[in-house]
Amino acid sequence: MARWKITQVKSKNSATERQMATLTSLGIRRINHSVELEVTPVVKGMVDKVLHLVKVEEIN
């Protein structure tokens, strides 16, 4: 199954509380922090909500 490397590239200062909670749920703590997650419908939905704050790369 595919995996994504998700990196926060913008500050969450201007984000809503819901978006900050989504970043925390993804496991992202600060700018330039990366996590590698399995691509599931749940992860896709969370990434869609914070796409303006993160960079997503597909890894093999």
PDB file of N, CA and C in Angstrom:
ATOM      1  N   MET A   1       0.846  -1.184   0.000  1.00  0.00           N
ATOM      2  CA  MET A   1       0.000   0.000   0.000  1.00  0.00           C
ATOM      3  C   MET A   1       0.887   1.240   0.000  1.00  0.00           C
ATOM      4  N   ALA A   2       0.368   2.302  -0.513  1.00  0.00           N
ATOM      5  CA  ALA A   2       1.128   3.544  -0.648  1.00  0.00           C
ATOM      6  C   ALA A   2       1.320   4.219   0.713  1.00  0.00           C
ATOM      7  N   ARG A   3       2.392   4.994   0.791  1.00  0.00           N
ATOM      8  CA  ARG A   3       2.682   5.782   1.992  1.00  0.00           C
ATOM      9  C   ARG A   3       2.928   7.222   1.574  1.00  0.00           C
ATOM     10  N   TRP A   4       2.577   8.144   2.451  1.00  0.00           N
ATOM     11  CA  TRP A   4       2.810   9.562   2.228  1.00  0.00           C
ATOM     12  C   TRP A   4       3.769  10.088   3.275  1.00  0.00           C
ATOM     13  N   LYS A   5       4.639  11.008   2.846  1.00  0.00           N
ATOM     14  CA  LYS A   5       5.460  11.778   3.774  1.00  0.00           C
ATOM     15  C   LYS A   5       4.814  13.151   3.840  1.00  0.00           C
ATOM     16  N   ILE A   6       4.334  13.523   5.012  1.00  0.00           N
ATOM     17  CA  ILE A   6       3.608  14.777   5.211  1.00  0.00           C
ATOM     18  C   ILE A   6       4.472  15.691   6.056  1.00  0.00           C
ATOM     19  N   THR A   7       4.755  16.897   5.533  1.00  0.00           N
ATOM     20  CA  THR A   7       5.628  17.853   6.200  1.00  0.00           C
ATOM     21  C   THR A   7       4.889  19.173   6.366  1.00  0.00           C
ATOM     22  N   GLN A   8       4.921  19.733   7.564  1.00  0.00           N
ATOM     23  CA  GLN A   8       4.319  21.042   7.784  1.00  0.00           C
ATOM     24  C   GLN A   8       5.260  22.103   7.231  1.00  0.00           C
ATOM     25  N   VAL A   9       4.746  22.987   6.358  1.00  0.00           N
ATOM     26  CA  VAL A   9       5.583  24.013   5.747  1.00  0.00           C
ATOM     27  C   VAL A   9       5.140  25.427   6.115  1.00  0.00           C
ATOM     28  N   LYS A  10       3.948  25.572   6.666  1.00  0.00           N
ATOM     29  CA  LYS A  10       3.468  26.889   7.082  1.00  0.00           C
ATOM     30  C   LYS A  10       3.065  26.847   8.544  1.00  0.00           C
ATOM     31  N   SER A  11       3.103  28.013   9.171  1.00  0.00           N
ATOM     32  CA  SER A  11       2.751  28.121  10.581  1.00  0.00           C
ATOM     33  C   SER A  11       1.267  27.854  10.792  1.00  0.00           C
ATOM     34  N   LYS A  12       0.949  27.282  11.947  1.00  0.00           N
ATOM     35  CA  LYS A  12      -0.451  27.051  12.267  1.00  0.00           C
ATOM     36  C   LYS A  12      -1.055  28.200  13.086  1.00  0.00           C
ATOM     37  N   ASN A  13      -0.344  29.321  13.181  1.00  0.00           N
ATOM     38  CA  ASN A  13      -0.853  30.473  13.927  1.00  0.00           C
ATOM     39  C   ASN A  13      -2.168  30.993  13.373  1.00  0.00           C
ATOM     40  N   SER A  14      -2.328  30.996  12.049  1.00  0.00           N
ATOM     41  CA  SER A  14      -3.551  31.523  11.455  1.00  0.00           C
ATOM     42  C   SER A  14      -4.594  30.433  11.225  1.00  0.00           C
ATOM     43  N   ALA A  15      -4.303  29.211  11.635  1.00  0.00           N
ATOM     44  CA  ALA A  15      -5.226  28.094  11.437  1.00  0.00           C
ATOM     45  C   ALA A  15      -6.316  28.104  12.508  1.00  0.00           C
ATOM     46  N   THR A  16      -7.435  27.485  12.157  1.00  0.00           N
ATOM     47  CA  THR A  16      -8.518  27.359  13.127  1.00  0.00           C
ATOM     48  C   THR A  16      -8.165  26.268  14.137  1.00  0.00           C
ATOM     49  N   GLU A  17      -8.933  26.209  15.221  1.00  0.00           N
ATOM     50  CA  GLU A  17      -8.682  25.188  16.238  1.00  0.00           C
ATOM     51  C   GLU A  17      -8.846  23.793  15.651  1.00  0.00           C
ATOM     52  N   ARG A  18      -9.799  23.650  14.747  1.00  0.00           N
ATOM     53  CA  ARG A  18     -10.054  22.353  14.124  1.00  0.00           C
ATOM     54  C   ARG A  18      -8.867  21.916  13.261  1.00  0.00           C
ATOM     55  N   GLN A  19      -8.273  22.868  12.532  1.00  0.00           N
ATOM     56  CA  GLN A  19      -7.109  22.549  11.706  1.00  0.00           C
ATOM     57  C   GLN A  19      -5.905  22.210  12.576  1.00  0.00           C
ATOM     58  N   MET A  20      -5.734  22.906  13.679  1.00  0.00           N
ATOM     59  CA  MET A  20      -4.627  22.598  14.599  1.00  0.00           C
ATOM     60  C   MET A  20      -4.810  21.204  15.195  1.00  0.00           C
ATOM     61  N   ALA A  21      -6.041  20.843  15.517  1.00  0.00           N
ATOM     62  CA  ALA A  21      -6.318  19.514  16.049  1.00  0.00           C
ATOM     63  C   ALA A  21      -6.037  18.442  14.993  1.00  0.00           C
ATOM     64  N   THR A  22      -6.318  18.748  13.741  1.00  0.00           N
ATOM     65  CA  THR A  22      -6.045  17.813  12.654  1.00  0.00           C
ATOM     66  C   THR A  22      -4.554  17.583  12.506  1.00  0.00           C
ATOM     67  N   LEU A  23      -3.755  18.645  12.586  1.00  0.00           N
ATOM     68  CA  LEU A  23      -2.299  18.498  12.521  1.00  0.00           C
ATOM     69  C   LEU A  23      -1.800  17.625  13.667  1.00  0.00           C
ATOM     70  N   THR A  24      -2.339  17.836  14.847  1.00  0.00           N
ATOM     71  CA  THR A  24      -1.948  17.033  16.003  1.00  0.00           C
ATOM     72  C   THR A  24      -2.333  15.566  15.788  1.00  0.00           C
ATOM     73  N   SER A  25      -3.495  15.329  15.226  1.00  0.00           N
ATOM     74  CA  SER A  25      -3.942  13.956  14.961  1.00  0.00           C
ATOM     75  C   SER A  25      -3.054  13.259  13.944  1.00  0.00           C
ATOM     76  N   LEU A  26      -2.537  14.030  12.998  1.00  0.00           N
ATOM     77  CA  LEU A  26      -1.620  13.470  12.016  1.00  0.00           C
ATOM     78  C   LEU A  26      -0.250  13.182  12.627  1.00  0.00           C
ATOM     79  N   GLY A  27       0.044  13.794  13.777  1.00  0.00           N
ATOM     80  CA  GLY A  27       1.324  13.572  14.443  1.00  0.00           C
ATOM     81  C   GLY A  27       2.346  14.642  14.133  1.00  0.00           C
ATOM     82  N   ILE A  28       1.901  15.742  13.536  1.00  0.00           N
ATOM     83  CA  ILE A  28       2.809  16.830  13.165  1.00  0.00           C
ATOM     84  C   ILE A  28       2.880  17.817  14.322  1.00  0.00           C
ATOM     85  N   ARG A  29       4.106  18.185  14.725  1.00  0.00           N
ATOM     86  CA  ARG A  29       4.277  19.016  15.911  1.00  0.00           C
ATOM     87  C   ARG A  29       4.731  20.446  15.625  1.00  0.00           C
ATOM     88  N   ARG A  30       5.516  20.633  14.572  1.00  0.00           N
ATOM     89  CA  ARG A  30       6.087  21.966  14.321  1.00  0.00           C
ATOM     90  C   ARG A  30       6.438  22.090  12.837  1.00  0.00           C
ATOM     91  N   ILE A  31       6.845  23.276  12.424  1.00  0.00           N
ATOM     92  CA  ILE A  31       7.242  23.506  11.041  1.00  0.00           C
ATOM     93  C   ILE A  31       8.453  22.642  10.727  1.00  0.00           C
ATOM     94  N   ASN A  32       8.465  22.073   9.538  1.00  0.00           N
ATOM     95  CA  ASN A  32       9.493  21.172   9.022  1.00  0.00           C
ATOM     96  C   ASN A  32       9.497  19.804   9.704  1.00  0.00           C
ATOM     97  N   HIS A  33       8.518  19.519  10.526  1.00  0.00           N
ATOM     98  CA  HIS A  33       8.394  18.188  11.108  1.00  0.00           C
ATOM     99  C   HIS A  33       7.654  17.304  10.108  1.00  0.00           C
ATOM    100  N   SER A  34       8.146  16.092   9.890  1.00  0.00           N
ATOM    101  CA  SER A  34       7.564  15.177   8.917  1.00  0.00           C
ATOM    102  C   SER A  34       7.101  13.895   9.582  1.00  0.00           C
ATOM    103  N   VAL A  35       6.049  13.328   9.022  1.00  0.00           N
ATOM    104  CA  VAL A  35       5.582  12.006   9.431  1.00  0.00           C
ATOM    105  C   VAL A  35       5.317  11.187   8.178  1.00  0.00           C
ATOM    106  N   GLU A  36       5.481   9.891   8.305  1.00  0.00           N
ATOM    107  CA  GLU A  36       5.178   8.985   7.206  1.00  0.00           C
ATOM    108  C   GLU A  36       3.965   8.164   7.616  1.00  0.00           C
ATOM    109  N   LEU A  37       2.900   8.247   6.813  1.00  0.00           N
ATOM    110  CA  LEU A  37       1.660   7.564   7.135  1.00  0.00           C
ATOM    111  C   LEU A  37       1.173   6.739   5.962  1.00  0.00           C
ATOM    112  N   GLU A  38       0.475   5.659   6.276  1.00  0.00           N
ATOM    113  CA  GLU A  38      -0.180   4.839   5.273  1.00  0.00           C
ATOM    114  C   GLU A  38      -1.344   5.635   4.685  1.00  0.00           C
ATOM    115  N   VAL A  39      -1.547   5.549   3.384  1.00  0.00           N
ATOM    116  CA  VAL A  39      -2.629   6.291   2.738  1.00  0.00           C
ATOM    117  C   VAL A  39      -3.933   5.523   2.948  1.00  0.00           C
ATOM    118  N   THR A  40      -4.826   6.123   3.731  1.00  0.00           N
ATOM    119  CA  THR A  40      -6.158   5.580   3.972  1.00  0.00           C
ATOM    120  C   THR A  40      -7.171   6.691   3.723  1.00  0.00           C
ATOM    121  N   PRO A  41      -8.438   6.362   3.603  1.00  0.00           N
ATOM    122  CA  PRO A  41      -9.445   7.421   3.423  1.00  0.00           C
ATOM    123  C   PRO A  41      -9.447   8.442   4.558  1.00  0.00           C
ATOM    124  N   VAL A  42      -9.172   7.984   5.775  1.00  0.00           N
ATOM    125  CA  VAL A  42      -9.147   8.894   6.924  1.00  0.00           C
ATOM    126  C   VAL A  42      -7.997   9.889   6.792  1.00  0.00           C
ATOM    127  N   VAL A  43      -6.816   9.401   6.457  1.00  0.00           N
ATOM    128  CA  VAL A  43      -5.643  10.270   6.304  1.00  0.00           C
ATOM    129  C   VAL A  43      -5.850  11.224   5.131  1.00  0.00           C
ATOM    130  N   LYS A  44      -6.411  10.744   4.033  1.00  0.00           N
ATOM    131  CA  LYS A  44      -6.685  11.614   2.886  1.00  0.00           C
ATOM    132  C   LYS A  44      -7.600  12.762   3.278  1.00  0.00           C
ATOM    133  N   GLY A  45      -8.635  12.474   4.052  1.00  0.00           N
ATOM    134  CA  GLY A  45      -9.560  13.510   4.492  1.00  0.00           C
ATOM    135  C   GLY A  45      -8.903  14.533   5.387  1.00  0.00           C
ATOM    136  N   MET A  46      -8.053  14.074   6.302  1.00  0.00           N
ATOM    137  CA  MET A  46      -7.366  15.001   7.203  1.00  0.00           C
ATOM    138  C   MET A  46      -6.394  15.880   6.435  1.00  0.00           C
ATOM    139  N   VAL A  47      -5.674  15.292   5.481  1.00  0.00           N
ATOM    140  CA  VAL A  47      -4.710  16.067   4.693  1.00  0.00           C
ATOM    141  C   VAL A  47      -5.444  17.107   3.843  1.00  0.00           C
ATOM    142  N   ASP A  48      -6.606  16.753   3.296  1.00  0.00           N
ATOM    143  CA  ASP A  48      -7.381  17.716   2.503  1.00  0.00           C
ATOM    144  C   ASP A  48      -7.751  18.953   3.316  1.00  0.00           C
ATOM    145  N   LYS A  49      -8.012  18.778   4.601  1.00  0.00           N
ATOM    146  CA  LYS A  49      -8.418  19.898   5.462  1.00  0.00           C
ATOM    147  C   LYS A  49      -7.263  20.843   5.796  1.00  0.00           C
ATOM    148  N   VAL A  50      -6.023  20.347   5.738  1.00  0.00           N
ATOM    149  CA  VAL A  50      -4.871  21.182   6.096  1.00  0.00           C
ATOM    150  C   VAL A  50      -3.864  21.269   4.947  1.00  0.00           C
ATOM    151  N   LEU A  51      -4.329  21.069   3.729  1.00  0.00           N
ATOM    152  CA  LEU A  51      -3.441  21.032   2.571  1.00  0.00           C
ATOM    153  C   LEU A  51      -2.674  22.341   2.386  1.00  0.00           C
ATOM    154  N   HIS A  52      -3.243  23.467   2.824  1.00  0.00           N
ATOM    155  CA  HIS A  52      -2.574  24.753   2.694  1.00  0.00           C
ATOM    156  C   HIS A  52      -1.423  24.920   3.694  1.00  0.00           C
ATOM    157  N   LEU A  53      -1.317  24.020   4.661  1.00  0.00           N
ATOM    158  CA  LEU A  53      -0.270  24.102   5.683  1.00  0.00           C
ATOM    159  C   LEU A  53       0.823  23.052   5.521  1.00  0.00           C
ATOM    160  N   VAL A  54       0.568  22.038   4.688  1.00  0.00           N
ATOM    161  CA  VAL A  54       1.496  20.923   4.600  1.00  0.00           C
ATOM    162  C   VAL A  54       1.916  20.659   3.157  1.00  0.00           C
ATOM    163  N   LYS A  55       3.007  19.892   3.042  1.00  0.00           N
ATOM    164  CA  LYS A  55       3.486  19.394   1.743  1.00  0.00           C
ATOM    165  C   LYS A  55       3.389  17.877   1.808  1.00  0.00           C
ATOM    166  N   VAL A  56       2.844  17.276   0.750  1.00  0.00           N
ATOM    167  CA  VAL A  56       2.645  15.829   0.727  1.00  0.00           C
ATOM    168  C   VAL A  56       3.485  15.231  -0.388  1.00  0.00           C
ATOM    169  N   GLU A  57       4.272  14.210  -0.045  1.00  0.00           N
ATOM    170  CA  GLU A  57       5.070  13.490  -1.031  1.00  0.00           C
ATOM    171  C   GLU A  57       4.738  12.010  -0.936  1.00  0.00           C
ATOM    172  N   GLU A  58       4.612  11.363  -2.079  1.00  0.00           N
ATOM    173  CA  GLU A  58       4.383   9.927  -2.074  1.00  0.00           C
ATOM    174  C   GLU A  58       5.732   9.222  -2.032  1.00  0.00           C
ATOM    175  N   ILE A  59       5.846   8.234  -1.142  1.00  0.00           N
ATOM    176  CA  ILE A  59       7.091   7.471  -1.030  1.00  0.00           C
ATOM    177  C   ILE A  59       6.804   6.008  -1.311  1.00  0.00           C
ATOM    178  N   ASN A  60       7.818   5.280  -1.718  1.00  0.00           N
ATOM    179  CA  ASN A  60       7.631   3.864  -2.034  1.00  0.00           C
ATOM    180  C   ASN A  60       8.078   2.976  -0.914  1.00  0.00           C
TER     181      ASN A  60
END
